[in-house]
Amino acid sequence: MKCTVSTGLLLLGVLAVGAVQGASFNNTFPDGFLFGTASAAYQVEGAWNEDGKGESIWDHMLHVHPDFVVDGQNGDVADDSYHRYKEDIAILKELGANFYRFSISWPRIMPTGEANNINQAGIDYYNKLIDELVDNGIQPMVSMYHWDLPQWLQDLGGWTNPIITDYFEDYARVLYENFGDRVKLWVTFNEPATFMTGYTSERGMAPSIFKPGVGDYLTTHHLLIAHARAYHLYDEQYRATQQGKISITLSSSWEEPLTNSTADAIASERSMQFVLGIHAHPIYSKEGDYPAVVRERVDKNSKAEGRTRSRLPVFSKEMVEYIRGTYDYFALNYYTSHLVTEMDTGYDPSIERDCYVARSFDPSWPESSSVWLRVVPWGLRKLINWIHKEYDGPEIIITENGVSDRGTLDDQSRVSYYTSHLAEILKAIHEDGCNVGGFTAWSLMDNFEWLRGYSERFGLYSVDFSDPARPRTAKASAQVMKEIFHTRQLPEQANVRGSKSIS
């Protein structure tokens, strides 16, 4: 089958792959396919209150509630990348990474989140980081928002207040003005499905406000508008001169039916729409707006609860059109998969109750050091194919993929994880005709893993957090990924078995 790949991301230039001949596995990545690694500001930068940086919701929450994190730690120092960014770039160059995905801390450059309060020291830091990347031949991919909202904006209601869309557009303008001459790959938001849960739990992601089934839907609604505003701002005022590309990074598991029953097949599709479609459908589908099944179920349940309006806000026809098509590529994070079946779960109300599925793992799926993450490589191939079919073949960039352990340098489980997932990507390209243009390993180095602190490690490079110098040491996985990055092939010994039919 021929994989018809579009001209794709600016500077990525993924080329069309010829017909795959025979049944043998093709272990070579297409010309132009790019490899990178990722990080996020709160997880690596440290310097939480230096040089004029404002307080973020994570700073605030973990200083008040260190008990929310399993090891009582926080990101005050983390990897100290604010001071050691040149070391980070040196190991990126050693790896042979084509690009580096990092996030900008909103409160570092706008301490309160407002455009009338710009912190020049923060602007200077990111200019130095970007210049150092470019000087070393590494393309910057910038996430505008990776969960560290200025606390001042949270005091106004954060993502549940529609005024946030104004502030985010102002923030995006500051980024374009200061960095758009060198940054050509933008991501507006990282994993809305994760950070919207900050409004569903009393001891969860920041800001930890318990409003399930309401706060998460308000967050979803407002961030989709904010994304569209940032996209249109770029399209109208900056694209002609800066020539960049913009997307939103969406995370998803693959939701596999528990059994072969029709009910579980329906539950699987419904779960995909609640997990991924709720954020993807308004942007990537031909018709726009929320998926019909999401709209119908939340509206029905809201009415049964005696509410005068749906817990999921309604877009006007004009807003549906304004959001639809606001992408240049599909940015996807994938870590694991689930088995799903119909069942009442979750709080009443909640998105879990609205979705009406129970999720589980097959006990045969290998474990990791994270309770939520089982190793299911074939799920990535199925997910890529679902997106390809559902949204008419957009170019997909894998913006995160990785696995946790407890910090060993001889991380053979991570080597197996990466090679098996990369094999499934190659099958999706060469055998299924899907349009995949790049891969990003999470993460460049061990860092602060949110509510798991430093107890779980995802890095290609180990970091000694007990040493003030925070030395970075290559793991076995870094050596293997270096070989893949340079040769653009999977090693011959890579385990490429274990795939499942995508039919």
Protein backbone atom coordinates (compact mmCIF):
# COMPACT_ATOMS: atom_id res chain seq x y z
CA MET A 1 0.00 0.00 0.00
CA LYS A 2 1.29 3.42 -0.85
CA CYS A 3 1.61 5.91 2.01
CA THR A 4 0.64 9.28 0.58
CA VAL A 5 2.26 11.85 2.82
CA SER A 6 1.53 15.55 2.39
CA THR A 7 4.20 18.21 2.14
CA GLY A 8 3.58 18.43 5.87
CA LEU A 9 5.21 20.52 8.53
CA LEU A 10 7.36 23.42 7.51
CA LEU A 11 10.98 22.31 7.63
CA LEU A 12 9.92 18.69 8.30
CA GLY A 13 9.26 17.93 4.65
CA VAL A 14 8.05 14.36 4.96
CA LEU A 15 8.26 12.75 1.51
CA ALA A 16 5.90 10.25 0.01
CA VAL A 17 6.91 6.64 0.52
CA GLY A 18 6.72 4.29 -2.41
CA ALA A 19 4.68 1.13 -2.40
CA VAL A 20 5.75 -1.37 0.22
CA GLN A 21 6.67 -4.58 -1.59
CA GLY A 22 6.11 -7.97 -0.08
CA ALA A 23 5.28 -8.97 3.47
CA SER A 24 8.66 -8.21 5.07
CA PHE A 25 8.85 -5.54 7.74
CA ASN A 26 10.27 -2.22 6.53
CA ASN A 27 12.45 -0.89 9.36
CA THR A 28 13.45 2.39 7.66
CA PHE A 29 11.86 5.74 8.40
CA PRO A 30 10.90 7.92 5.42
CA ASP A 31 13.20 10.67 4.23
CA GLY A 32 12.37 13.80 6.18
CA PHE A 33 10.84 11.99 9.18
CA LEU A 34 12.11 13.87 12.22
CA PHE A 35 13.03 12.71 15.69
CA GLY A 36 12.99 14.74 18.88
CA THR A 37 12.55 14.69 22.62
CA ALA A 38 10.38 16.71 24.97
CA SER A 39 10.17 18.45 28.33
CA ALA A 40 7.91 20.96 30.10
CA ALA A 41 8.78 24.14 31.95
CA TYR A 42 7.55 23.27 35.43
CA GLN A 43 9.07 19.81 35.21
CA VAL A 44 12.62 20.88 34.34
CA GLU A 45 13.31 24.59 34.74
CA GLY A 46 13.32 25.19 38.48
CA ALA A 47 14.12 28.80 39.41
CA TRP A 48 10.49 29.07 40.42
CA ASN A 49 10.76 32.59 41.84
CA GLU A 50 13.91 33.95 40.19
CA ASP A 51 14.31 36.96 37.91
CA GLY A 52 10.76 38.22 38.20
CA LYS A 53 8.88 34.99 37.50
CA GLY A 54 5.32 34.95 38.83
CA GLU A 55 3.63 32.19 40.81
CA SER A 56 1.97 29.39 38.86
CA ILE A 57 -0.88 27.17 39.99
CA TRP A 58 1.64 24.35 40.52
CA ASP A 59 3.94 26.57 42.60
CA HIS A 60 0.96 27.62 44.70
CA MET A 61 -0.62 24.21 45.17
CA LEU A 62 2.53 22.31 46.07
CA HIS A 63 3.80 24.96 48.46
CA VAL A 64 0.47 24.80 50.31
CA HIS A 65 -0.08 21.05 49.86
CA PRO A 66 3.22 19.16 49.54
CA ASP A 67 1.27 16.10 50.70
CA PHE A 68 -0.44 15.98 47.30
CA VAL A 69 2.80 14.55 45.82
CA VAL A 70 3.80 10.99 46.74
CA ASP A 71 7.34 11.97 47.77
CA GLY A 72 6.46 15.45 49.04
CA GLN A 73 8.66 17.09 46.39
CA ASN A 74 8.00 19.93 43.93
CA GLY A 75 9.46 21.68 40.89
CA ASP A 76 11.20 24.52 42.73
CA VAL A 77 14.60 23.34 41.44
CA ALA A 78 13.78 20.24 39.36
CA ASP A 79 16.52 19.75 36.72
CA ASP A 80 17.65 23.37 37.11
CA SER A 81 17.35 23.82 33.34
CA TYR A 82 16.88 27.55 33.83
CA HIS A 83 20.59 27.66 34.63
CA ARG A 84 21.72 24.50 32.81
CA TYR A 85 19.90 24.74 29.47
CA LYS A 86 23.20 24.54 27.59
CA GLU A 87 23.80 21.12 29.13
CA ASP A 88 20.36 20.04 27.93
CA ILE A 89 21.14 21.19 24.42
CA ALA A 90 24.50 19.41 24.51
CA ILE A 91 22.81 16.07 25.19
CA LEU A 92 20.21 16.81 22.53
CA LYS A 93 23.04 17.29 20.07
CA GLU A 94 24.71 14.11 21.30
CA LEU A 95 21.48 12.23 20.62
CA GLY A 96 21.19 13.67 17.14
CA ALA A 97 17.73 15.08 17.82
CA ASN A 98 16.23 17.06 14.95
CA PHE A 99 13.96 19.08 17.24
CA TYR A 100 13.30 19.78 20.90
CA ARG A 101 9.80 20.21 22.21
CA PHE A 102 9.71 22.41 25.31
CA SER A 103 7.12 24.64 26.92
CA ILE A 104 7.22 28.28 27.83
CA SER A 105 6.19 29.19 31.36
CA TRP A 106 3.41 31.75 31.07
CA PRO A 107 4.16 33.28 34.52
CA ARG A 108 7.88 33.51 33.72
CA ILE A 109 7.27 36.00 30.93
CA MET A 110 3.95 37.45 32.16
CA PRO A 111 3.95 37.11 35.96
CA THR A 112 0.22 37.74 36.38
CA GLY A 113 -0.76 36.53 32.93
CA GLU A 114 -1.54 40.06 31.79
CA ALA A 115 -0.02 41.76 28.74
CA ASN A 116 0.71 44.95 30.68
CA ASN A 117 3.16 43.07 32.90
CA ILE A 118 5.97 41.64 30.79
CA ASN A 119 9.02 40.17 32.52
CA GLN A 120 11.98 40.91 30.25
CA ALA A 121 14.22 38.46 32.11
CA GLY A 122 11.84 35.67 31.13
CA ILE A 123 11.85 36.79 27.51
CA ASP A 124 15.65 36.87 27.63
CA TYR A 125 15.84 33.30 28.99
CA TYR A 126 13.75 31.83 26.21
CA ASN A 127 15.62 33.83 23.59
CA LYS A 128 18.87 32.33 24.85
CA LEU A 129 17.39 28.84 24.85
CA ILE A 130 15.99 29.19 21.33
CA ASP A 131 19.17 30.75 19.97
CA GLU A 132 21.29 27.96 21.47
CA LEU A 133 19.04 25.34 19.86
CA VAL A 134 19.15 27.02 16.45
CA ASP A 135 22.92 27.48 16.66
CA ASN A 136 23.25 23.73 17.24
CA GLY A 137 20.99 22.80 14.33
CA ILE A 138 18.06 21.75 16.53
CA GLN A 139 14.62 23.03 15.66
CA PRO A 140 12.53 24.41 18.54
CA MET A 141 8.97 23.14 18.92
CA VAL A 142 7.22 25.32 21.49
CA SER A 143 4.23 24.43 23.65
CA MET A 144 2.53 27.60 24.78
CA TYR A 145 0.72 25.99 27.71
CA HIS A 146 1.88 22.93 29.62
CA TRP A 147 -0.29 23.34 32.71
CA ASP A 148 1.48 26.13 34.66
CA LEU A 149 -1.24 28.79 34.63
CA PRO A 150 -0.39 32.06 36.40
CA GLN A 151 -1.98 31.88 39.85
CA TRP A 152 -3.36 35.41 39.36
CA LEU A 153 -5.55 34.11 36.53
CA GLN A 154 -6.64 31.13 38.59
CA ASP A 155 -7.80 33.55 41.27
CA LEU A 156 -10.24 34.82 38.62
CA GLY A 157 -11.52 31.31 37.99
CA GLY A 158 -8.81 30.02 35.67
CA TRP A 159 -10.07 27.94 32.76
CA THR A 160 -13.66 28.02 34.00
CA ASN A 161 -13.87 31.78 33.34
CA PRO A 162 -14.46 32.74 29.67
CA ILE A 163 -12.22 35.81 30.10
CA ILE A 164 -9.28 33.38 29.97
CA THR A 165 -9.57 33.33 26.16
CA ASP A 166 -8.70 37.04 26.03
CA TYR A 167 -5.67 36.56 28.24
CA PHE A 168 -4.47 33.56 26.24
CA GLU A 169 -4.67 35.48 22.97
CA ASP A 170 -2.62 38.27 24.54
CA TYR A 171 -0.08 35.69 25.69
CA ALA A 172 0.12 34.12 22.23
CA ARG A 173 0.80 37.54 20.70
CA VAL A 174 3.74 38.07 23.06
CA LEU A 175 5.17 34.69 22.02
CA TYR A 176 4.80 35.36 18.29
CA GLU A 177 6.30 38.83 18.60
CA ASN A 178 9.34 37.69 20.57
CA PHE A 179 10.09 34.19 19.26
CA GLY A 180 8.19 33.64 16.00
CA ASP A 181 11.13 34.63 13.82
CA ARG A 182 12.89 31.41 14.91
CA VAL A 183 10.08 29.15 16.19
CA LYS A 184 8.27 27.51 13.28
CA LEU A 185 6.46 24.74 15.14
CA TRP A 186 3.88 25.77 17.75
CA VAL A 187 1.55 23.83 20.04
CA THR A 188 -1.11 25.87 21.82
CA PHE A 189 -2.04 23.40 24.58
CA ASN A 190 -0.62 20.16 25.90
CA GLU A 191 -3.11 17.43 26.78
CA PRO A 192 -6.39 19.20 27.55
CA ALA A 193 -7.80 15.84 28.67
CA THR A 194 -5.26 15.84 31.50
CA PHE A 195 -5.22 19.42 32.72
CA MET A 196 -9.01 19.74 32.66
CA THR A 197 -9.00 17.17 35.48
CA GLY A 198 -7.57 19.92 37.69
CA TYR A 199 -11.21 20.95 38.07
CA THR A 200 -12.46 17.46 39.01
CA SER A 201 -10.45 16.45 42.09
CA GLU A 202 -9.59 17.75 45.54
CA ARG A 203 -6.13 16.12 45.50
CA GLY A 204 -5.29 15.97 41.80
CA MET A 205 -3.77 18.09 39.09
CA ALA A 206 -3.51 21.81 39.83
CA PRO A 207 -5.58 23.72 40.80
CA SER A 208 -7.33 20.71 42.43
CA ILE A 209 -10.90 22.00 42.49
CA PHE A 210 -13.63 19.40 42.89
CA LYS A 211 -16.23 20.24 40.23
CA PRO A 212 -16.45 17.03 38.15
CA GLY A 213 -18.79 17.05 35.18
CA VAL A 214 -18.88 20.85 35.19
CA GLY A 215 -15.42 22.37 35.66
CA ASP A 216 -13.82 20.00 33.16
CA TYR A 217 -16.41 20.78 30.47
CA LEU A 218 -16.05 24.53 31.04
CA THR A 219 -12.28 24.15 30.72
CA THR A 220 -12.70 22.19 27.49
CA HIS A 221 -15.03 24.80 26.02
CA HIS A 222 -12.82 27.77 26.83
CA LEU A 223 -9.52 26.22 25.80
CA LEU A 224 -10.94 25.30 22.39
CA ILE A 225 -11.94 28.92 21.86
CA ALA A 226 -8.55 30.09 23.15
CA HIS A 227 -6.79 27.71 20.77
CA ALA A 228 -8.80 29.03 17.83
CA ARG A 229 -8.05 32.63 18.79
CA ALA A 230 -4.32 31.92 18.93
CA TYR A 231 -4.49 30.13 15.57
CA HIS A 232 -6.43 32.92 13.83
CA LEU A 233 -4.17 35.58 15.34
CA TYR A 234 -1.18 33.82 13.81
CA ASP A 235 -2.98 33.23 10.52
CA GLU A 236 -4.00 36.85 10.14
CA GLN A 237 -0.98 38.72 11.48
CA TYR A 238 2.12 36.50 11.54
CA ARG A 239 1.96 33.51 9.20
CA ALA A 240 2.89 35.45 6.04
CA THR A 241 6.18 36.64 7.53
CA GLN A 242 7.01 33.91 10.05
CA GLN A 243 5.92 30.90 7.97
CA GLY A 244 5.26 28.58 10.92
CA LYS A 245 2.80 25.82 11.75
CA ILE A 246 0.39 25.50 14.68
CA SER A 247 -1.41 22.60 16.33
CA ILE A 248 -2.79 21.47 19.69
CA THR A 249 -1.34 18.40 21.41
CA LEU A 250 -4.04 15.89 22.25
CA SER A 251 -3.45 12.80 24.35
CA SER A 252 -5.28 9.53 23.90
CA SER A 253 -5.19 5.91 24.83
CA TRP A 254 -6.51 3.32 22.43
CA GLU A 255 -9.89 2.06 23.72
CA GLU A 256 -10.12 -1.60 22.74
CA PRO A 257 -13.46 -3.47 23.14
CA LEU A 258 -13.31 -5.91 26.06
CA THR A 259 -15.16 -8.56 24.07
CA ASN A 260 -16.35 -9.11 20.51
CA SER A 261 -19.88 -8.05 21.43
CA THR A 262 -21.69 -5.27 19.60
CA ALA A 263 -22.23 -3.48 22.91
CA ASP A 264 -18.50 -3.35 23.63
CA ALA A 265 -17.74 -2.20 20.08
CA ILE A 266 -20.18 0.69 20.60
CA ALA A 267 -18.64 1.38 24.02
CA SER A 268 -15.19 1.48 22.43
CA GLU A 269 -16.21 4.07 19.86
CA ARG A 270 -18.06 6.12 22.46
CA SER A 271 -15.02 6.07 24.70
CA MET A 272 -12.79 7.25 21.84
CA GLN A 273 -15.10 10.21 21.31
CA PHE A 274 -15.09 11.16 25.00
CA VAL A 275 -11.31 10.65 25.38
CA LEU A 276 -10.09 12.17 22.11
CA GLY A 277 -13.02 13.35 20.01
CA ILE A 278 -14.25 15.87 22.57
CA HIS A 279 -11.16 17.98 21.80
CA ALA A 280 -10.31 16.76 18.31
CA HIS A 281 -13.73 16.79 16.64
CA PRO A 282 -14.33 20.56 16.93
CA ILE A 283 -10.94 21.22 15.26
CA TYR A 284 -10.27 18.36 12.85
CA SER A 285 -13.65 17.03 11.67
CA LYS A 286 -15.37 18.25 8.52
CA GLU A 287 -18.51 19.29 10.40
CA GLY A 288 -16.88 20.71 13.53
CA ASP A 289 -18.45 20.96 17.00
CA TYR A 290 -18.45 18.31 19.71
CA PRO A 291 -19.01 14.69 18.69
CA ALA A 292 -22.70 13.89 18.44
CA VAL A 293 -22.53 11.11 21.04
CA VAL A 294 -20.85 13.43 23.56
CA ARG A 295 -23.40 16.17 22.96
CA GLU A 296 -26.33 13.78 23.23
CA ARG A 297 -25.22 12.00 26.39
CA VAL A 298 -24.23 15.10 28.37
CA ASP A 299 -27.41 16.92 27.34
CA LYS A 300 -29.58 13.92 28.27
CA ASN A 301 -27.90 13.42 31.65
CA SER A 302 -28.00 17.15 32.44
CA LYS A 303 -31.74 17.21 31.79
CA ALA A 304 -32.28 14.12 33.95
CA GLU A 305 -30.41 15.89 36.75
CA GLY A 306 -32.97 18.69 36.65
CA ARG A 307 -30.63 21.28 35.17
CA THR A 308 -31.90 24.16 33.06
CA ARG A 309 -28.98 23.80 30.63
CA SER A 310 -26.38 21.23 29.62
CA ARG A 311 -23.22 20.92 31.68
CA LEU A 312 -21.37 20.97 28.34
CA PRO A 313 -21.69 24.52 26.96
CA VAL A 314 -23.00 25.02 23.43
CA PHE A 315 -21.00 26.64 20.63
CA SER A 316 -22.84 29.08 18.38
CA LYS A 317 -22.84 28.23 14.67
CA GLU A 318 -20.34 31.05 14.14
CA MET A 319 -18.02 29.65 16.82
CA VAL A 320 -18.25 26.14 15.35
CA GLU A 321 -16.93 27.55 12.07
CA TYR A 322 -14.34 29.69 13.86
CA ILE A 323 -12.81 26.64 15.60
CA ARG A 324 -13.15 24.14 12.74
CA GLY A 325 -9.96 23.72 10.72
CA THR A 326 -7.63 25.54 13.14
CA TYR A 327 -4.69 23.18 12.66
CA ASP A 328 -1.68 22.60 10.47
CA TYR A 329 -0.92 19.08 11.72
CA PHE A 330 -2.23 16.61 14.32
CA ALA A 331 -0.05 16.49 17.46
CA LEU A 332 -0.60 13.26 19.40
CA ASN A 333 0.60 11.92 22.75
CA TYR A 334 0.27 8.18 23.30
CA TYR A 335 1.36 6.03 26.25
CA THR A 336 -1.06 3.13 26.78
CA SER A 337 -4.38 1.45 25.94
CA HIS A 338 -7.47 0.17 27.77
CA LEU A 339 -10.10 -2.51 27.45
CA VAL A 340 -13.59 -0.99 27.66
CA THR A 341 -17.09 -2.23 28.32
CA GLU A 342 -20.42 -0.60 29.17
CA MET A 343 -20.80 0.26 32.86
CA ASP A 344 -21.75 3.08 35.21
CA THR A 345 -18.58 4.53 36.75
CA GLY A 346 -17.43 7.77 38.32
CA TYR A 347 -19.09 10.52 40.27
CA ASP A 348 -22.57 11.71 39.44
CA PRO A 349 -22.11 13.98 37.54
CA SER A 350 -18.77 13.36 35.82
CA ILE A 351 -17.35 12.79 32.38
CA GLU A 352 -16.84 9.15 33.36
CA ARG A 353 -20.53 8.77 34.16
CA ASP A 354 -21.50 10.53 30.92
CA CYS A 355 -19.24 8.24 28.90
CA TYR A 356 -20.70 5.10 30.52
CA VAL A 357 -17.73 2.77 30.14
CA ALA A 358 -15.45 0.88 32.50
CA ARG A 359 -11.76 0.72 31.59
CA SER A 360 -9.33 -2.05 32.49
CA PHE A 361 -6.04 -3.61 31.46
CA ASP A 362 -5.40 -7.05 30.05
CA PRO A 363 -3.27 -8.72 32.76
CA SER A 364 -0.90 -9.95 30.03
CA TRP A 365 0.10 -6.39 29.11
CA PRO A 366 3.52 -5.61 30.62
CA GLU A 367 3.52 -3.24 33.59
CA SER A 368 5.57 -0.08 34.09
CA SER A 369 6.37 1.92 37.22
CA SER A 370 3.17 3.94 36.68
CA VAL A 371 -0.11 2.29 37.66
CA TRP A 372 -1.87 3.96 34.73
CA LEU A 373 0.62 2.78 32.09
CA ARG A 374 0.72 -0.70 30.58
CA VAL A 375 2.84 -1.43 27.51
CA VAL A 376 0.57 -1.85 24.47
CA PRO A 377 2.48 -0.98 21.26
CA TRP A 378 -0.20 -2.19 18.86
CA GLY A 379 -2.60 0.31 20.44
CA LEU A 380 -0.58 3.15 18.93
CA ARG A 381 -0.98 1.72 15.44
CA LYS A 382 -4.72 1.34 15.92
CA LEU A 383 -4.97 4.89 17.28
CA ILE A 384 -3.05 6.33 14.32
CA ASN A 385 -5.37 4.51 11.94
CA TRP A 386 -8.46 5.73 13.80
CA ILE A 387 -7.29 9.35 13.54
CA HIS A 388 -6.34 8.86 9.88
CA LYS A 389 -9.82 7.59 9.06
CA GLU A 390 -11.82 9.85 11.38
CA TYR A 391 -10.17 13.12 10.30
CA ASP A 392 -9.33 12.47 6.65
CA GLY A 393 -5.61 11.76 6.89
CA PRO A 394 -3.98 14.72 8.66
CA GLU A 395 -0.24 14.67 9.13
CA ILE A 396 0.36 13.19 12.58
CA ILE A 397 3.33 14.10 14.73
CA ILE A 398 3.81 11.95 17.82
CA THR A 399 4.62 14.67 20.36
CA GLU A 400 5.03 12.34 23.38
CA ASN A 401 5.64 8.63 23.85
CA GLY A 402 7.50 6.97 26.68
CA VAL A 403 7.48 4.70 29.72
CA SER A 404 8.42 4.97 33.39
CA ASP A 405 10.77 3.03 35.62
CA ARG A 406 12.47 3.69 38.95
CA GLY A 407 15.65 5.16 37.50
CA THR A 408 17.98 2.38 36.38
CA LEU A 409 20.72 3.25 33.87
CA ASP A 410 20.38 -0.13 32.16
CA ASP A 411 16.77 0.58 31.17
CA GLN A 412 16.12 -2.30 28.82
CA SER A 413 12.36 -2.07 29.40
CA ARG A 414 12.46 1.45 27.96
CA VAL A 415 14.54 0.24 25.00
CA SER A 416 11.90 -2.41 24.31
CA TYR A 417 9.08 0.12 24.74
CA TYR A 418 10.53 2.58 22.24
CA THR A 419 11.57 0.06 19.61
CA SER A 420 8.23 -1.76 19.72
CA HIS A 421 6.24 1.50 19.45
CA LEU A 422 8.44 2.80 16.65
CA ALA A 423 7.86 -0.49 14.84
CA GLU A 424 4.11 0.09 15.01
CA ILE A 425 4.57 3.59 13.63
CA LEU A 426 6.51 2.16 10.70
CA LYS A 427 3.71 -0.32 10.04
CA ALA A 428 1.18 2.49 10.14
CA ILE A 429 3.24 4.37 7.55
CA HIS A 430 4.38 1.61 5.21
CA GLU A 431 1.54 -0.90 5.48
CA ASP A 432 -1.52 1.19 6.37
CA GLY A 433 -0.86 4.35 4.37
CA CYS A 434 -1.02 6.69 7.35
CA ASN A 435 0.60 10.11 7.35
CA VAL A 436 3.10 10.23 10.24
CA GLY A 437 5.84 12.83 10.07
CA GLY A 438 7.73 12.77 13.36
CA PHE A 439 8.31 11.18 16.75
CA THR A 440 9.04 12.72 20.14
CA ALA A 441 10.40 10.73 23.06
CA TRP A 442 9.12 11.64 26.52
CA SER A 443 11.35 12.65 28.02
CA LEU A 444 14.81 14.01 27.37
CA MET A 445 15.80 13.46 31.00
CA ASP A 446 14.32 12.45 34.32
CA ASN A 447 12.23 15.29 35.73
CA PHE A 448 9.45 16.19 38.12
CA GLU A 449 6.52 13.95 37.22
CA TRP A 450 3.67 15.98 38.69
CA LEU A 451 1.85 14.13 41.51
CA ARG A 452 4.40 11.30 41.31
CA GLY A 453 7.27 13.67 42.05
CA TYR A 454 10.66 12.06 41.38
CA SER A 455 9.47 8.53 42.21
CA GLU A 456 8.89 7.68 38.54
CA ARG A 457 11.46 8.34 35.83
CA PHE A 458 10.81 8.72 32.09
CA GLY A 459 14.13 10.14 30.90
CA LEU A 460 16.59 8.98 28.28
CA TYR A 461 19.14 10.62 30.57
CA SER A 462 19.32 10.07 34.29
CA VAL A 463 19.49 13.08 36.60
CA ASP A 464 20.95 12.92 40.11
CA PHE A 465 18.55 15.12 42.06
CA SER A 466 20.64 14.75 45.23
CA ASP A 467 23.55 16.55 43.57
CA PRO A 468 23.23 20.36 43.31
CA ALA A 469 24.95 20.14 39.89
CA ARG A 470 22.12 17.92 38.61
CA PRO A 471 24.45 15.83 36.38
CA ARG A 472 22.85 14.20 33.33
CA THR A 473 23.95 10.63 32.52
CA ALA A 474 22.99 8.69 29.42
CA LYS A 475 20.96 5.53 29.97
CA ALA A 476 21.01 2.48 27.72
CA SER A 477 17.89 3.82 26.00
CA ALA A 478 19.73 7.03 25.05
CA GLN A 479 22.35 4.98 23.22
CA VAL A 480 19.71 3.02 21.30
CA MET A 481 17.71 6.12 20.42
CA LYS A 482 20.91 7.83 19.29
CA GLU A 483 21.47 4.97 16.85
CA ILE A 484 17.88 5.23 15.58
CA PHE A 485 18.07 9.02 15.26
CA HIS A 486 21.29 8.82 13.25
CA THR A 487 20.61 5.76 11.08
CA ARG A 488 16.86 6.44 10.66
CA GLN A 489 16.27 2.71 11.07
CA LEU A 490 15.18 0.39 13.83
CA PRO A 491 17.96 -1.93 14.94
CA GLU A 492 17.74 -5.37 13.40
CA GLN A 493 17.33 -6.89 16.85
CA ALA A 494 14.28 -4.73 17.61
CA ASN A 495 11.20 -6.69 18.60
CA VAL A 496 8.64 -5.83 15.94
CA ARG A 497 6.22 -8.61 16.73
CA GLY A 498 3.02 -8.49 18.74
CA SER A 499 0.97 -6.40 16.35
CA LYS A 500 -2.79 -6.86 16.09
CA SER A 501 -5.08 -6.56 13.13
CA ILE A 502 -6.33 -3.02 12.59
CA SER A 503 -9.55 -4.17 10.96
